[in-house]
Amino acid sequence: MSICYHCEKGVMFGRSHTHKRGVAGGRWKKRAPKTQRLFRPNLQKIMIMEDGDAKRVRICMKCLKRVKKDMNDKKMPFLQLFRRTGESVTL
């Protein structure tokens, strides 16, 4: 099972509902059925720098957006992204 490298967000279980309309002037013939489903996180594969080595990890989009925003705001992000040219991203 895949989880986020930073926040450990993973698959969540839940139910999906189908909402059926009732007949005119009366009750519903059937209740709306509820079926089990999985909610999967939006994981992206990226390269990061960790202890001087490049490492490929899966990060959820929420964490990746946070890293990119911190880099644009000239703050220190919690992860260092790795460029394909072999250089780490610097602020």
N, C-alpha and C. Protein backbone atom coordinates (compact mmCIF):
# COMPACT_ATOMS: atom_id res chain seq x y z
N MET A 1 0.85 -1.17 0.00
CA MET A 1 0.00 0.00 0.00
C MET A 1 0.90 1.24 0.00
N SER A 2 0.57 2.24 -0.80
CA SER A 2 1.40 3.42 -0.91
C SER A 2 0.89 4.52 0.01
N ILE A 3 1.85 5.18 0.65
CA ILE A 3 1.52 6.29 1.54
C ILE A 3 2.47 7.44 1.24
N CYS A 4 2.11 8.62 1.69
CA CYS A 4 2.93 9.81 1.51
C CYS A 4 4.19 9.70 2.38
N TYR A 5 5.32 10.09 1.81
CA TYR A 5 6.60 10.00 2.52
C TYR A 5 6.64 10.95 3.71
N HIS A 6 6.03 12.12 3.58
CA HIS A 6 6.12 13.13 4.64
C HIS A 6 5.00 13.01 5.67
N CYS A 7 3.74 13.04 5.22
CA CYS A 7 2.63 13.10 6.17
C CYS A 7 1.97 11.75 6.41
N GLU A 8 2.42 10.72 5.72
CA GLU A 8 1.92 9.35 5.86
C GLU A 8 0.42 9.23 5.56
N LYS A 9 -0.06 10.06 4.65
CA LYS A 9 -1.45 9.95 4.21
C LYS A 9 -1.56 8.71 3.34
N GLY A 10 -2.60 7.91 3.56
CA GLY A 10 -2.77 6.68 2.80
C GLY A 10 -4.22 6.49 2.37
N VAL A 11 -4.54 5.28 2.02
CA VAL A 11 -5.88 4.95 1.57
C VAL A 11 -6.85 5.04 2.74
N MET A 12 -8.02 5.63 2.50
CA MET A 12 -9.07 5.71 3.51
C MET A 12 -10.29 4.99 2.99
N PHE A 13 -11.04 4.37 3.89
CA PHE A 13 -12.23 3.65 3.52
C PHE A 13 -13.46 4.51 3.80
N GLY A 14 -14.47 4.35 2.97
CA GLY A 14 -15.69 5.10 3.16
C GLY A 14 -16.82 4.47 2.36
N ARG A 15 -17.91 5.22 2.21
CA ARG A 15 -19.05 4.72 1.46
C ARG A 15 -19.47 5.75 0.42
N SER A 16 -19.95 5.26 -0.71
CA SER A 16 -20.51 6.15 -1.71
C SER A 16 -22.01 5.98 -1.69
N HIS A 17 -22.72 7.08 -1.86
CA HIS A 17 -24.19 7.07 -1.83
C HIS A 17 -24.72 7.40 -3.22
N THR A 18 -25.78 6.72 -3.62
CA THR A 18 -26.51 7.13 -4.80
C THR A 18 -27.84 7.67 -4.30
N HIS A 19 -28.16 8.86 -4.72
CA HIS A 19 -29.38 9.51 -4.24
C HIS A 19 -30.46 9.39 -5.30
N LYS A 20 -31.43 8.54 -5.03
CA LYS A 20 -32.54 8.34 -5.96
C LYS A 20 -33.73 9.19 -5.54
N ARG A 21 -34.45 9.65 -6.51
CA ARG A 21 -35.66 10.44 -6.23
C ARG A 21 -36.81 9.47 -5.92
N GLY A 22 -37.72 9.93 -5.11
CA GLY A 22 -38.89 9.11 -4.80
C GLY A 22 -39.97 9.27 -5.86
N VAL A 23 -41.02 8.54 -5.72
CA VAL A 23 -42.15 8.67 -6.65
C VAL A 23 -42.98 9.88 -6.24
N ALA A 24 -43.76 10.39 -7.15
CA ALA A 24 -44.52 11.62 -6.89
C ALA A 24 -45.55 11.40 -5.80
N GLY A 25 -45.53 12.22 -4.78
CA GLY A 25 -46.52 12.19 -3.73
C GLY A 25 -46.43 11.03 -2.77
N GLY A 26 -45.35 10.32 -2.77
CA GLY A 26 -45.28 9.17 -1.87
C GLY A 26 -43.89 8.99 -1.28
N ARG A 27 -43.70 7.84 -0.67
CA ARG A 27 -42.41 7.55 -0.08
C ARG A 27 -41.46 7.03 -1.14
N TRP A 28 -40.23 6.89 -0.71
CA TRP A 28 -39.27 6.25 -1.60
C TRP A 28 -39.59 4.77 -1.65
N LYS A 29 -39.41 4.21 -2.82
CA LYS A 29 -39.59 2.76 -2.92
C LYS A 29 -38.41 2.04 -2.28
N LYS A 30 -37.22 2.58 -2.49
CA LYS A 30 -36.02 1.97 -1.92
C LYS A 30 -35.21 3.06 -1.23
N ARG A 31 -34.46 2.65 -0.25
CA ARG A 31 -33.51 3.59 0.34
C ARG A 31 -32.34 3.72 -0.60
N ALA A 32 -31.64 4.82 -0.49
CA ALA A 32 -30.47 5.03 -1.34
C ALA A 32 -29.39 4.01 -0.95
N PRO A 33 -28.92 3.19 -1.89
CA PRO A 33 -27.91 2.18 -1.54
C PRO A 33 -26.56 2.83 -1.24
N LYS A 34 -25.87 2.26 -0.28
CA LYS A 34 -24.55 2.72 0.10
C LYS A 34 -23.57 1.58 -0.14
N THR A 35 -22.55 1.84 -0.91
CA THR A 35 -21.56 0.81 -1.20
C THR A 35 -20.20 1.25 -0.69
N GLN A 36 -19.39 0.28 -0.30
CA GLN A 36 -18.05 0.57 0.20
C GLN A 36 -17.16 1.03 -0.94
N ARG A 37 -16.24 1.95 -0.65
CA ARG A 37 -15.28 2.41 -1.65
C ARG A 37 -14.00 2.84 -0.96
N LEU A 38 -12.96 3.08 -1.76
CA LEU A 38 -11.67 3.53 -1.27
C LEU A 38 -11.44 4.97 -1.71
N PHE A 39 -10.89 5.78 -0.81
CA PHE A 39 -10.45 7.12 -1.15
C PHE A 39 -8.93 7.08 -1.18
N ARG A 40 -8.34 7.24 -2.37
CA ARG A 40 -6.90 7.16 -2.52
C ARG A 40 -6.29 8.56 -2.56
N PRO A 41 -5.11 8.75 -1.95
CA PRO A 41 -4.47 10.07 -2.00
C PRO A 41 -3.86 10.31 -3.38
N ASN A 42 -3.67 11.57 -3.70
CA ASN A 42 -3.05 11.96 -4.97
C ASN A 42 -1.53 11.96 -4.78
N LEU A 43 -0.90 10.81 -4.99
CA LEU A 43 0.54 10.66 -4.78
C LEU A 43 1.30 10.88 -6.07
N GLN A 44 2.42 11.60 -5.95
CA GLN A 44 3.30 11.88 -7.09
C GLN A 44 4.69 11.36 -6.76
N LYS A 45 5.36 10.79 -7.77
CA LYS A 45 6.73 10.32 -7.57
C LYS A 45 7.68 11.48 -7.86
N ILE A 46 8.52 11.81 -6.88
CA ILE A 46 9.50 12.88 -7.06
C ILE A 46 10.85 12.42 -6.52
N MET A 47 11.88 13.15 -6.91
CA MET A 47 13.23 12.90 -6.41
C MET A 47 13.55 13.96 -5.37
N ILE A 48 14.08 13.52 -4.23
CA ILE A 48 14.49 14.45 -3.19
C ILE A 48 15.94 14.20 -2.82
N MET A 49 16.54 15.17 -2.15
CA MET A 49 17.89 15.01 -1.61
C MET A 49 17.77 14.68 -0.14
N GLU A 50 18.38 13.59 0.27
CA GLU A 50 18.38 13.21 1.68
C GLU A 50 19.77 12.71 2.04
N ASP A 51 20.42 13.39 2.97
CA ASP A 51 21.78 13.06 3.41
C ASP A 51 22.76 13.02 2.25
N GLY A 52 22.59 13.93 1.29
CA GLY A 52 23.50 14.01 0.15
C GLY A 52 23.21 13.03 -0.96
N ASP A 53 22.22 12.17 -0.82
CA ASP A 53 21.89 11.20 -1.84
C ASP A 53 20.52 11.51 -2.44
N ALA A 54 20.38 11.18 -3.73
CA ALA A 54 19.08 11.34 -4.39
C ALA A 54 18.22 10.14 -4.04
N LYS A 55 16.96 10.40 -3.76
CA LYS A 55 16.05 9.34 -3.36
C LYS A 55 14.71 9.58 -4.03
N ARG A 56 14.12 8.53 -4.59
CA ARG A 56 12.81 8.64 -5.22
C ARG A 56 11.74 8.26 -4.21
N VAL A 57 10.79 9.17 -3.96
CA VAL A 57 9.74 8.95 -2.97
C VAL A 57 8.39 9.34 -3.57
N ARG A 58 7.34 8.93 -2.88
CA ARG A 58 5.98 9.33 -3.24
C ARG A 58 5.49 10.35 -2.23
N ILE A 59 5.00 11.47 -2.74
CA ILE A 59 4.52 12.56 -1.89
C ILE A 59 3.13 12.95 -2.35
N CYS A 60 2.24 13.21 -1.40
CA CYS A 60 0.89 13.65 -1.77
C CYS A 60 0.97 15.08 -2.31
N MET A 61 0.00 15.44 -3.09
CA MET A 61 0.01 16.73 -3.76
C MET A 61 -0.05 17.89 -2.77
N LYS A 62 -0.69 17.69 -1.63
CA LYS A 62 -0.77 18.74 -0.63
C LYS A 62 0.62 19.09 -0.10
N CYS A 63 1.45 18.08 0.18
CA CYS A 63 2.81 18.32 0.66
C CYS A 63 3.68 18.93 -0.44
N LEU A 64 3.52 18.47 -1.68
CA LEU A 64 4.31 18.99 -2.79
C LEU A 64 3.99 20.46 -3.04
N LYS A 65 2.71 20.83 -2.95
CA LYS A 65 2.33 22.23 -3.11
C LYS A 65 2.93 23.09 -2.00
N ARG A 66 3.00 22.54 -0.78
CA ARG A 66 3.59 23.26 0.34
C ARG A 66 5.08 23.51 0.10
N VAL A 67 5.80 22.50 -0.42
CA VAL A 67 7.22 22.65 -0.69
C VAL A 67 7.44 23.72 -1.76
N LYS A 68 6.64 23.67 -2.83
CA LYS A 68 6.81 24.64 -3.91
C LYS A 68 6.46 26.05 -3.45
N LYS A 69 5.46 26.19 -2.61
CA LYS A 69 5.10 27.51 -2.09
C LYS A 69 6.20 28.06 -1.19
N ASP A 70 6.78 27.21 -0.34
CA ASP A 70 7.87 27.64 0.52
C ASP A 70 9.07 28.08 -0.31
N MET A 71 9.34 27.38 -1.41
CA MET A 71 10.46 27.76 -2.27
C MET A 71 10.20 29.10 -2.96
N ASN A 72 8.97 29.34 -3.38
CA ASN A 72 8.63 30.62 -4.02
C ASN A 72 8.68 31.77 -3.02
N ASP A 73 8.33 31.50 -1.75
CA ASP A 73 8.35 32.53 -0.71
C ASP A 73 9.71 32.68 -0.06
N LYS A 74 10.74 31.99 -0.59
CA LYS A 74 12.11 32.04 -0.08
C LYS A 74 12.22 31.57 1.37
N LYS A 75 11.39 30.56 1.72
CA LYS A 75 11.47 29.94 3.03
C LYS A 75 12.14 28.58 2.88
N MET A 76 12.59 28.02 3.99
CA MET A 76 13.23 26.70 3.95
C MET A 76 12.16 25.62 3.93
N PRO A 77 12.04 24.86 2.81
CA PRO A 77 11.03 23.80 2.77
C PRO A 77 11.47 22.60 3.60
N PHE A 78 10.51 21.75 3.95
CA PHE A 78 10.83 20.58 4.77
C PHE A 78 11.48 19.47 3.95
N LEU A 79 11.48 19.58 2.61
CA LEU A 79 12.16 18.63 1.72
C LEU A 79 12.96 19.40 0.69
N GLN A 80 14.09 18.86 0.27
CA GLN A 80 14.87 19.44 -0.82
C GLN A 80 14.58 18.65 -2.09
N LEU A 81 14.01 19.30 -3.09
CA LEU A 81 13.74 18.63 -4.36
C LEU A 81 15.05 18.44 -5.11
N PHE A 82 15.08 17.46 -5.99
CA PHE A 82 16.27 17.11 -6.75
C PHE A 82 15.99 17.35 -8.22
N ARG A 83 16.87 18.09 -8.89
CA ARG A 83 16.71 18.33 -10.32
C ARG A 83 17.34 17.21 -11.11
N ARG A 84 16.88 17.05 -12.33
CA ARG A 84 17.41 15.98 -13.19
C ARG A 84 18.86 16.23 -13.61
N THR A 85 19.33 17.48 -13.56
CA THR A 85 20.69 17.77 -13.95
C THR A 85 21.70 17.33 -12.89
N GLY A 86 21.22 16.89 -11.74
CA GLY A 86 22.10 16.42 -10.70
C GLY A 86 22.32 17.42 -9.59
N GLU A 87 21.68 18.58 -9.70
CA GLU A 87 21.83 19.60 -8.67
C GLU A 87 20.58 19.66 -7.82
N SER A 88 20.77 19.90 -6.54
CA SER A 88 19.61 20.07 -5.68
C SER A 88 19.06 21.48 -5.85
N VAL A 89 17.80 21.66 -5.58
CA VAL A 89 17.18 22.97 -5.71
C VAL A 89 17.61 23.83 -4.52
N THR A 90 18.14 25.01 -4.81
CA THR A 90 18.57 25.92 -3.74
C THR A 90 17.65 27.13 -3.71
N LEU A 91 17.59 27.74 -2.58
CA LEU A 91 16.73 28.94 -2.44
C LEU A 91 17.47 30.18 -2.81
